[in-house]
Amino acid sequence: MDLSGFKTEELLLAAIRSEIGANEAYIKLAGGVKNAFLKDRLEFLAGEEVKHKETLVQVFKEVFMGKEPVVPEETPVPLPDIVVPDEKVPLSEILQSAMNAEMAAHDFYTSLTERFDNPTRQATVTYLAAMEMGHYKLLEIEKQMAEDFEDYDEYWPMMHADP
């Protein structure tokens, strides 16, 4: 991902904004699913995004000598959001949106690592990139299971109906 047109401050603020948005999206998703296992995974991801935000705030304060980050509502940095529509969209499509956002976050953090000379900051941001890839893999598994159940409903419409 080419981040050369952005200042480090803009990039860190965009990362913090992205983590806040991901947390909100996972909380919203968790509130709308009935599957207890998926709900737990989405709540886990929401919690992870809070930790990422806290880590990024600490990095920001270290880089900018204690300055508090003022997180904008929107940023010029093109990071995709997790789309959580209100209408009836197949869960697999929503999970694909989340996967796209997690992969973009991974690529973003991998590129952001180059901005830092400090090995500890580099390692921190590299770790965030790896965590985002782990989220992608978790969502990939959930998406496959969602697609399988969507297929069951297509071929066996009463598959999940009570007796």
N, C-alpha and C. Protein backbone atom coordinates (compact mmCIF):
# COMPACT_ATOMS: atom_id res chain seq x y z
N MET A 1 0.86 -1.17 0.00
CA MET A 1 0.00 0.00 0.00
C MET A 1 0.91 1.23 0.00
N ASP A 2 0.65 2.16 -0.92
CA ASP A 2 1.47 3.36 -1.02
C ASP A 2 0.93 4.43 -0.08
N LEU A 3 1.70 4.74 0.94
CA LEU A 3 1.30 5.73 1.93
C LEU A 3 2.15 7.00 1.82
N SER A 4 2.91 7.12 0.75
CA SER A 4 3.87 8.21 0.61
C SER A 4 3.22 9.59 0.58
N GLY A 5 1.96 9.69 0.20
CA GLY A 5 1.30 10.99 0.12
C GLY A 5 0.72 11.48 1.44
N PHE A 6 0.98 10.76 2.51
CA PHE A 6 0.39 11.11 3.80
C PHE A 6 1.46 11.34 4.85
N LYS A 7 1.15 12.21 5.80
CA LYS A 7 2.01 12.44 6.95
C LYS A 7 1.80 11.31 7.96
N THR A 8 2.80 11.04 8.74
CA THR A 8 2.70 9.99 9.76
C THR A 8 1.54 10.27 10.71
N GLU A 9 1.34 11.52 11.08
CA GLU A 9 0.24 11.87 11.98
C GLU A 9 -1.11 11.50 11.36
N GLU A 10 -1.29 11.81 10.08
CA GLU A 10 -2.54 11.45 9.39
C GLU A 10 -2.75 9.95 9.39
N LEU A 11 -1.68 9.21 9.16
CA LEU A 11 -1.78 7.75 9.10
C LEU A 11 -2.14 7.15 10.44
N LEU A 12 -1.52 7.63 11.50
CA LEU A 12 -1.86 7.10 12.82
C LEU A 12 -3.28 7.46 13.22
N LEU A 13 -3.72 8.68 12.91
CA LEU A 13 -5.10 9.07 13.22
C LEU A 13 -6.09 8.25 12.39
N ALA A 14 -5.74 7.97 11.14
CA ALA A 14 -6.61 7.13 10.30
C ALA A 14 -6.68 5.71 10.87
N ALA A 15 -5.57 5.21 11.35
CA ALA A 15 -5.55 3.87 11.93
C ALA A 15 -6.42 3.81 13.18
N ILE A 16 -6.32 4.83 14.03
CA ILE A 16 -7.16 4.88 15.23
C ILE A 16 -8.63 4.95 14.84
N ARG A 17 -8.96 5.78 13.87
CA ARG A 17 -10.35 5.90 13.39
C ARG A 17 -10.83 4.56 12.85
N SER A 18 -9.99 3.88 12.10
CA SER A 18 -10.36 2.59 11.52
C SER A 18 -10.64 1.56 12.61
N GLU A 19 -9.83 1.54 13.64
CA GLU A 19 -10.04 0.59 14.74
C GLU A 19 -11.34 0.90 15.50
N ILE A 20 -11.64 2.17 15.67
CA ILE A 20 -12.90 2.56 16.31
C ILE A 20 -14.07 2.08 15.46
N GLY A 21 -14.00 2.31 14.16
CA GLY A 21 -15.07 1.89 13.25
C GLY A 21 -15.24 0.38 13.22
N ALA A 22 -14.13 -0.35 13.23
CA ALA A 22 -14.20 -1.81 13.22
C ALA A 22 -14.85 -2.32 14.50
N ASN A 23 -14.49 -1.72 15.64
CA ASN A 23 -15.10 -2.10 16.91
C ASN A 23 -16.61 -1.92 16.86
N GLU A 24 -17.04 -0.76 16.38
CA GLU A 24 -18.48 -0.47 16.29
C GLU A 24 -19.18 -1.45 15.35
N ALA A 25 -18.54 -1.77 14.23
CA ALA A 25 -19.14 -2.70 13.27
C ALA A 25 -19.29 -4.10 13.86
N TYR A 26 -18.25 -4.58 14.55
CA TYR A 26 -18.32 -5.92 15.15
C TYR A 26 -19.37 -5.98 16.27
N ILE A 27 -19.49 -4.91 17.03
CA ILE A 27 -20.52 -4.87 18.08
C ILE A 27 -21.90 -4.93 17.43
N LYS A 28 -22.10 -4.17 16.36
CA LYS A 28 -23.39 -4.17 15.66
C LYS A 28 -23.69 -5.54 15.07
N LEU A 29 -22.68 -6.14 14.46
CA LEU A 29 -22.86 -7.48 13.89
C LEU A 29 -23.21 -8.50 14.97
N ALA A 30 -22.48 -8.45 16.08
CA ALA A 30 -22.72 -9.39 17.18
C ALA A 30 -24.14 -9.26 17.72
N GLY A 31 -24.65 -8.04 17.74
CA GLY A 31 -26.01 -7.82 18.21
C GLY A 31 -27.08 -8.35 17.28
N GLY A 32 -26.71 -8.63 16.05
CA GLY A 32 -27.70 -9.07 15.07
C GLY A 32 -27.66 -10.54 14.71
N VAL A 33 -26.75 -11.30 15.33
CA VAL A 33 -26.68 -12.73 15.01
C VAL A 33 -27.24 -13.56 16.15
N LYS A 34 -27.77 -14.71 15.79
CA LYS A 34 -28.35 -15.61 16.79
C LYS A 34 -27.39 -16.75 17.17
N ASN A 35 -26.47 -17.05 16.28
CA ASN A 35 -25.51 -18.12 16.53
C ASN A 35 -24.57 -17.69 17.65
N ALA A 36 -24.61 -18.39 18.77
CA ALA A 36 -23.83 -18.02 19.96
C ALA A 36 -22.33 -18.07 19.70
N PHE A 37 -21.87 -19.02 18.90
CA PHE A 37 -20.45 -19.14 18.61
C PHE A 37 -19.97 -17.94 17.79
N LEU A 38 -20.74 -17.59 16.75
CA LEU A 38 -20.39 -16.45 15.92
C LEU A 38 -20.46 -15.17 16.73
N LYS A 39 -21.48 -15.05 17.56
CA LYS A 39 -21.63 -13.86 18.42
C LYS A 39 -20.38 -13.70 19.29
N ASP A 40 -19.91 -14.79 19.90
CA ASP A 40 -18.70 -14.74 20.73
C ASP A 40 -17.48 -14.30 19.91
N ARG A 41 -17.35 -14.82 18.71
CA ARG A 41 -16.21 -14.46 17.86
C ARG A 41 -16.25 -12.98 17.49
N LEU A 42 -17.44 -12.49 17.16
CA LEU A 42 -17.58 -11.08 16.80
C LEU A 42 -17.31 -10.17 17.99
N GLU A 43 -17.76 -10.57 19.16
CA GLU A 43 -17.47 -9.80 20.37
C GLU A 43 -15.96 -9.83 20.69
N PHE A 44 -15.33 -10.98 20.44
CA PHE A 44 -13.88 -11.09 20.60
C PHE A 44 -13.19 -10.10 19.67
N LEU A 45 -13.61 -10.07 18.39
CA LEU A 45 -13.00 -9.16 17.43
C LEU A 45 -13.21 -7.70 17.85
N ALA A 46 -14.39 -7.39 18.35
CA ALA A 46 -14.66 -6.02 18.82
C ALA A 46 -13.68 -5.65 19.93
N GLY A 47 -13.45 -6.56 20.84
CA GLY A 47 -12.49 -6.32 21.92
C GLY A 47 -11.07 -6.16 21.41
N GLU A 48 -10.71 -6.93 20.42
CA GLU A 48 -9.39 -6.81 19.82
C GLU A 48 -9.19 -5.43 19.21
N GLU A 49 -10.22 -4.91 18.55
CA GLU A 49 -10.11 -3.60 17.92
C GLU A 49 -9.91 -2.50 18.96
N VAL A 50 -10.52 -2.65 20.13
CA VAL A 50 -10.30 -1.69 21.22
C VAL A 50 -8.83 -1.72 21.65
N LYS A 51 -8.27 -2.92 21.77
CA LYS A 51 -6.86 -3.04 22.16
C LYS A 51 -5.95 -2.43 21.10
N HIS A 52 -6.29 -2.63 19.83
CA HIS A 52 -5.49 -2.05 18.75
C HIS A 52 -5.52 -0.53 18.84
N LYS A 53 -6.72 0.01 19.06
CA LYS A 53 -6.86 1.47 19.20
C LYS A 53 -5.99 1.98 20.34
N GLU A 54 -6.04 1.32 21.48
CA GLU A 54 -5.25 1.75 22.64
C GLU A 54 -3.75 1.69 22.32
N THR A 55 -3.34 0.67 21.62
CA THR A 55 -1.93 0.53 21.23
C THR A 55 -1.53 1.68 20.30
N LEU A 56 -2.39 1.99 19.34
CA LEU A 56 -2.09 3.07 18.40
C LEU A 56 -2.07 4.44 19.07
N VAL A 57 -2.94 4.63 20.04
CA VAL A 57 -2.92 5.88 20.80
C VAL A 57 -1.58 6.01 21.52
N GLN A 58 -1.10 4.93 22.10
CA GLN A 58 0.20 4.95 22.78
C GLN A 58 1.32 5.25 21.79
N VAL A 59 1.30 4.62 20.63
CA VAL A 59 2.31 4.89 19.60
C VAL A 59 2.25 6.36 19.21
N PHE A 60 1.05 6.88 19.00
CA PHE A 60 0.88 8.29 18.62
C PHE A 60 1.53 9.19 19.67
N LYS A 61 1.23 8.94 20.94
CA LYS A 61 1.77 9.77 22.02
C LYS A 61 3.30 9.69 22.09
N GLU A 62 3.84 8.51 21.82
CA GLU A 62 5.30 8.35 21.82
C GLU A 62 5.94 9.13 20.67
N VAL A 63 5.33 9.01 19.49
CA VAL A 63 5.89 9.65 18.30
C VAL A 63 5.76 11.17 18.40
N PHE A 64 4.64 11.64 18.93
CA PHE A 64 4.38 13.08 18.98
C PHE A 64 4.51 13.65 20.40
N MET A 65 5.43 13.07 21.17
CA MET A 65 5.85 13.57 22.49
C MET A 65 4.70 13.93 23.42
N GLY A 66 3.80 12.97 23.63
CA GLY A 66 2.73 13.14 24.61
C GLY A 66 1.48 13.82 24.09
N LYS A 67 1.50 14.27 22.88
CA LYS A 67 0.32 14.93 22.29
C LYS A 67 -0.85 13.94 22.25
N GLU A 68 -2.02 14.42 22.66
CA GLU A 68 -3.23 13.59 22.61
C GLU A 68 -3.75 13.56 21.17
N PRO A 69 -4.09 12.39 20.66
CA PRO A 69 -4.62 12.33 19.29
C PRO A 69 -6.04 12.89 19.24
N VAL A 70 -6.30 13.68 18.22
CA VAL A 70 -7.65 14.18 17.95
C VAL A 70 -8.12 13.42 16.71
N VAL A 71 -8.97 12.44 16.95
CA VAL A 71 -9.36 11.51 15.89
C VAL A 71 -10.49 12.13 15.07
N PRO A 72 -10.27 12.29 13.77
CA PRO A 72 -11.31 12.87 12.91
C PRO A 72 -12.41 11.85 12.61
N GLU A 73 -13.57 12.35 12.24
CA GLU A 73 -14.67 11.46 11.84
C GLU A 73 -14.34 10.75 10.53
N GLU A 74 -13.64 11.47 9.64
CA GLU A 74 -13.23 10.91 8.35
C GLU A 74 -11.78 11.27 8.10
N THR A 75 -11.10 10.42 7.34
CA THR A 75 -9.70 10.69 7.04
C THR A 75 -9.47 10.58 5.53
N PRO A 76 -8.40 11.22 5.04
CA PRO A 76 -8.09 11.10 3.61
C PRO A 76 -7.46 9.77 3.23
N VAL A 77 -7.09 8.98 4.24
CA VAL A 77 -6.43 7.70 3.99
C VAL A 77 -7.49 6.68 3.58
N PRO A 78 -7.30 6.05 2.42
CA PRO A 78 -8.33 5.12 1.91
C PRO A 78 -8.31 3.74 2.58
N LEU A 79 -8.94 3.65 3.73
CA LEU A 79 -9.10 2.36 4.40
C LEU A 79 -10.57 1.97 4.32
N PRO A 80 -10.87 0.75 3.86
CA PRO A 80 -12.28 0.35 3.75
C PRO A 80 -12.91 0.12 5.11
N ASP A 81 -14.20 0.44 5.19
CA ASP A 81 -14.98 0.18 6.40
C ASP A 81 -15.63 -1.18 6.27
N ILE A 82 -16.02 -1.74 7.41
CA ILE A 82 -16.83 -2.94 7.40
C ILE A 82 -18.26 -2.48 7.20
N VAL A 83 -18.88 -2.96 6.14
CA VAL A 83 -20.24 -2.54 5.82
C VAL A 83 -21.23 -3.46 6.52
N VAL A 84 -22.06 -2.87 7.37
CA VAL A 84 -23.08 -3.62 8.09
C VAL A 84 -24.43 -3.04 7.69
N PRO A 85 -25.02 -3.56 6.60
CA PRO A 85 -26.30 -3.02 6.13
C PRO A 85 -27.45 -3.39 7.06
N ASP A 86 -28.48 -2.57 7.01
CA ASP A 86 -29.66 -2.85 7.83
C ASP A 86 -30.60 -3.84 7.16
N GLU A 87 -30.56 -3.89 5.83
CA GLU A 87 -31.48 -4.80 5.13
C GLU A 87 -30.98 -6.24 5.16
N LYS A 88 -31.75 -7.11 4.57
CA LYS A 88 -31.44 -8.55 4.58
C LYS A 88 -30.36 -8.85 3.53
N VAL A 89 -29.13 -8.84 3.97
CA VAL A 89 -27.99 -9.18 3.14
C VAL A 89 -27.43 -10.47 3.70
N PRO A 90 -27.06 -11.42 2.84
CA PRO A 90 -26.49 -12.67 3.37
C PRO A 90 -25.29 -12.39 4.28
N LEU A 91 -25.24 -13.12 5.36
CA LEU A 91 -24.15 -12.97 6.32
C LEU A 91 -22.80 -13.15 5.65
N SER A 92 -22.72 -14.04 4.68
CA SER A 92 -21.43 -14.28 4.01
C SER A 92 -20.92 -13.01 3.34
N GLU A 93 -21.80 -12.17 2.81
CA GLU A 93 -21.39 -10.92 2.17
C GLU A 93 -20.87 -9.92 3.20
N ILE A 94 -21.50 -9.88 4.35
CA ILE A 94 -21.05 -8.99 5.42
C ILE A 94 -19.69 -9.44 5.93
N LEU A 95 -19.53 -10.74 6.08
CA LEU A 95 -18.25 -11.28 6.54
C LEU A 95 -17.15 -11.02 5.50
N GLN A 96 -17.51 -11.07 4.22
CA GLN A 96 -16.53 -10.76 3.17
C GLN A 96 -16.10 -9.30 3.28
N SER A 97 -17.03 -8.41 3.57
CA SER A 97 -16.69 -7.01 3.77
C SER A 97 -15.71 -6.86 4.93
N ALA A 98 -15.97 -7.58 6.01
CA ALA A 98 -15.07 -7.54 7.17
C ALA A 98 -13.70 -8.11 6.81
N MET A 99 -13.68 -9.18 6.02
CA MET A 99 -12.41 -9.75 5.58
C MET A 99 -11.62 -8.74 4.75
N ASN A 100 -12.30 -8.04 3.85
CA ASN A 100 -11.64 -7.03 3.02
C ASN A 100 -11.02 -5.94 3.89
N ALA A 101 -11.77 -5.51 4.91
CA ALA A 101 -11.26 -4.47 5.81
C ALA A 101 -10.06 -4.97 6.61
N GLU A 102 -10.11 -6.21 7.07
CA GLU A 102 -9.00 -6.77 7.84
C GLU A 102 -7.75 -6.92 6.96
N MET A 103 -7.93 -7.34 5.72
CA MET A 103 -6.78 -7.47 4.81
C MET A 103 -6.20 -6.10 4.50
N ALA A 104 -7.05 -5.11 4.29
CA ALA A 104 -6.57 -3.75 4.04
C ALA A 104 -5.81 -3.22 5.26
N ALA A 105 -6.31 -3.52 6.46
CA ALA A 105 -5.62 -3.10 7.69
C ALA A 105 -4.25 -3.77 7.78
N HIS A 106 -4.20 -5.05 7.44
CA HIS A 106 -2.91 -5.77 7.44
C HIS A 106 -1.93 -5.08 6.50
N ASP A 107 -2.36 -4.81 5.27
CA ASP A 107 -1.49 -4.17 4.29
C ASP A 107 -1.08 -2.77 4.74
N PHE A 108 -2.02 -2.04 5.32
CA PHE A 108 -1.77 -0.69 5.82
C PHE A 108 -0.69 -0.72 6.91
N TYR A 109 -0.85 -1.60 7.91
CA TYR A 109 0.12 -1.67 8.99
C TYR A 109 1.48 -2.14 8.50
N THR A 110 1.49 -3.06 7.55
CA THR A 110 2.76 -3.52 6.98
C THR A 110 3.50 -2.35 6.33
N SER A 111 2.77 -1.51 5.61
CA SER A 111 3.38 -0.33 4.99
C SER A 111 3.75 0.73 6.03
N LEU A 112 2.91 0.88 7.04
CA LEU A 112 3.15 1.89 8.08
C LEU A 112 4.44 1.60 8.85
N THR A 113 4.81 0.35 8.96
CA THR A 113 6.03 -0.04 9.68
C THR A 113 7.24 0.73 9.17
N GLU A 114 7.27 1.00 7.87
CA GLU A 114 8.40 1.68 7.24
C GLU A 114 8.57 3.11 7.73
N ARG A 115 7.55 3.68 8.36
CA ARG A 115 7.61 5.06 8.84
C ARG A 115 8.43 5.22 10.11
N PHE A 116 8.72 4.12 10.77
CA PHE A 116 9.35 4.20 12.08
C PHE A 116 10.78 3.69 12.05
N ASP A 117 11.67 4.45 12.70
CA ASP A 117 13.07 4.03 12.85
C ASP A 117 13.24 3.21 14.13
N ASN A 118 12.39 3.45 15.09
CA ASN A 118 12.46 2.80 16.38
C ASN A 118 12.05 1.33 16.25
N PRO A 119 12.93 0.38 16.59
CA PRO A 119 12.61 -1.05 16.44
C PRO A 119 11.38 -1.49 17.24
N THR A 120 11.18 -0.88 18.41
CA THR A 120 10.01 -1.25 19.21
C THR A 120 8.72 -0.84 18.52
N ARG A 121 8.70 0.36 17.95
CA ARG A 121 7.50 0.81 17.22
C ARG A 121 7.29 -0.04 15.97
N GLN A 122 8.36 -0.36 15.29
CA GLN A 122 8.25 -1.23 14.11
C GLN A 122 7.65 -2.57 14.50
N ALA A 123 8.15 -3.13 15.59
CA ALA A 123 7.66 -4.44 16.05
C ALA A 123 6.19 -4.35 16.46
N THR A 124 5.81 -3.25 17.09
CA THR A 124 4.42 -3.07 17.52
C THR A 124 3.49 -3.03 16.32
N VAL A 125 3.86 -2.26 15.32
CA VAL A 125 3.00 -2.13 14.14
C VAL A 125 3.02 -3.43 13.32
N THR A 126 4.15 -4.11 13.28
CA THR A 126 4.22 -5.40 12.60
C THR A 126 3.30 -6.41 13.29
N TYR A 127 3.28 -6.36 14.62
CA TYR A 127 2.41 -7.24 15.39
C TYR A 127 0.94 -6.95 15.08
N LEU A 128 0.58 -5.66 14.98
CA LEU A 128 -0.79 -5.30 14.61
C LEU A 128 -1.15 -5.86 13.23
N ALA A 129 -0.21 -5.79 12.30
CA ALA A 129 -0.45 -6.35 10.96
C ALA A 129 -0.73 -7.85 11.05
N ALA A 130 0.05 -8.54 11.85
CA ALA A 130 -0.15 -9.99 12.02
C ALA A 130 -1.49 -10.29 12.67
N MET A 131 -1.88 -9.48 13.65
CA MET A 131 -3.18 -9.66 14.30
C MET A 131 -4.32 -9.49 13.29
N GLU A 132 -4.20 -8.49 12.42
CA GLU A 132 -5.24 -8.26 11.41
C GLU A 132 -5.34 -9.46 10.46
N MET A 133 -4.21 -10.07 10.14
CA MET A 133 -4.25 -11.27 9.30
C MET A 133 -4.93 -12.41 10.04
N GLY A 134 -4.71 -12.52 11.33
CA GLY A 134 -5.40 -13.53 12.13
C GLY A 134 -6.91 -13.29 12.13
N HIS A 135 -7.31 -12.04 12.22
CA HIS A 135 -8.74 -11.72 12.15
C HIS A 135 -9.31 -12.13 10.79
N TYR A 136 -8.54 -11.85 9.74
CA TYR A 136 -8.96 -12.24 8.39
C TYR A 136 -9.22 -13.75 8.33
N LYS A 137 -8.29 -14.53 8.85
CA LYS A 137 -8.41 -16.00 8.81
C LYS A 137 -9.62 -16.48 9.61
N LEU A 138 -9.85 -15.89 10.78
CA LEU A 138 -11.01 -16.25 11.58
C LEU A 138 -12.31 -15.96 10.82
N LEU A 139 -12.36 -14.78 10.20
CA LEU A 139 -13.55 -14.40 9.42
C LEU A 139 -13.72 -15.29 8.19
N GLU A 140 -12.62 -15.71 7.61
CA GLU A 140 -12.67 -16.58 6.44
C GLU A 140 -13.36 -17.91 6.79
N ILE A 141 -13.03 -18.44 7.95
CA ILE A 141 -13.66 -19.69 8.41
C ILE A 141 -15.15 -19.47 8.64
N GLU A 142 -15.49 -18.37 9.32
CA GLU A 142 -16.90 -18.07 9.59
C GLU A 142 -17.68 -17.84 8.29
N LYS A 143 -17.05 -17.19 7.32
CA LYS A 143 -17.71 -16.95 6.04
C LYS A 143 -18.01 -18.27 5.33
N GLN A 144 -17.05 -19.19 5.36
CA GLN A 144 -17.27 -20.49 4.72
C GLN A 144 -18.43 -21.22 5.38
N MET A 145 -18.50 -21.18 6.70
CA MET A 145 -19.61 -21.84 7.39
C MET A 145 -20.93 -21.14 7.06
N ALA A 146 -20.92 -19.82 6.98
CA ALA A 146 -22.14 -19.08 6.63
C ALA A 146 -22.59 -19.45 5.23
N GLU A 147 -21.65 -19.55 4.29
CA GLU A 147 -22.00 -19.95 2.93
C GLU A 147 -22.58 -21.36 2.90
N ASP A 148 -22.01 -22.25 3.68
CA ASP A 148 -22.53 -23.62 3.73
C ASP A 148 -23.98 -23.62 4.21
N PHE A 149 -24.27 -22.87 5.26
CA PHE A 149 -25.64 -22.83 5.77
C PHE A 149 -26.57 -22.10 4.83
N GLU A 150 -26.08 -21.09 4.12
CA GLU A 150 -26.90 -20.42 3.11
C GLU A 150 -27.24 -21.40 1.99
N ASP A 151 -26.27 -22.26 1.62
CA ASP A 151 -26.53 -23.27 0.60
C ASP A 151 -27.56 -24.28 1.09
N TYR A 152 -27.49 -24.69 2.36
CA TYR A 152 -28.48 -25.62 2.90
C TYR A 152 -29.88 -25.02 2.79
N ASP A 153 -30.00 -23.74 3.12
CA ASP A 153 -31.30 -23.08 3.04
C ASP A 153 -31.81 -23.02 1.61
N GLU A 154 -30.90 -22.89 0.66
CA GLU A 154 -31.30 -22.82 -0.74
C GLU A 154 -31.84 -24.17 -1.23
N TYR A 155 -31.17 -25.25 -0.83
CA TYR A 155 -31.57 -26.57 -1.30
C TYR A 155 -32.58 -27.25 -0.38
N TRP A 156 -32.55 -26.91 0.88
CA TRP A 156 -33.45 -27.48 1.87
C TRP A 156 -34.09 -26.34 2.66
N PRO A 157 -35.08 -25.69 2.11
CA PRO A 157 -35.64 -24.47 2.72
C PRO A 157 -36.07 -24.63 4.18
N MET A 158 -36.46 -25.77 4.60
CA MET A 158 -36.94 -25.97 5.97
C MET A 158 -35.85 -26.58 6.88
N MET A 159 -34.61 -26.53 6.43
CA MET A 159 -33.49 -27.17 7.14
C MET A 159 -33.42 -26.74 8.62
N HIS A 160 -33.69 -25.46 8.91
CA HIS A 160 -33.53 -24.96 10.26
C HIS A 160 -34.86 -24.75 10.97
N ALA A 161 -35.93 -25.26 10.40
CA ALA A 161 -37.25 -25.11 11.02
C ALA A 161 -37.42 -26.11 12.15
N ASP A 162 -38.19 -25.71 13.12
CA ASP A 162 -38.50 -26.65 14.23
C ASP A 162 -39.44 -27.72 13.71
N PRO A 163 -39.51 -28.89 14.44
CA PRO A 163 -40.35 -29.99 13.99
C PRO A 163 -41.83 -29.63 14.02
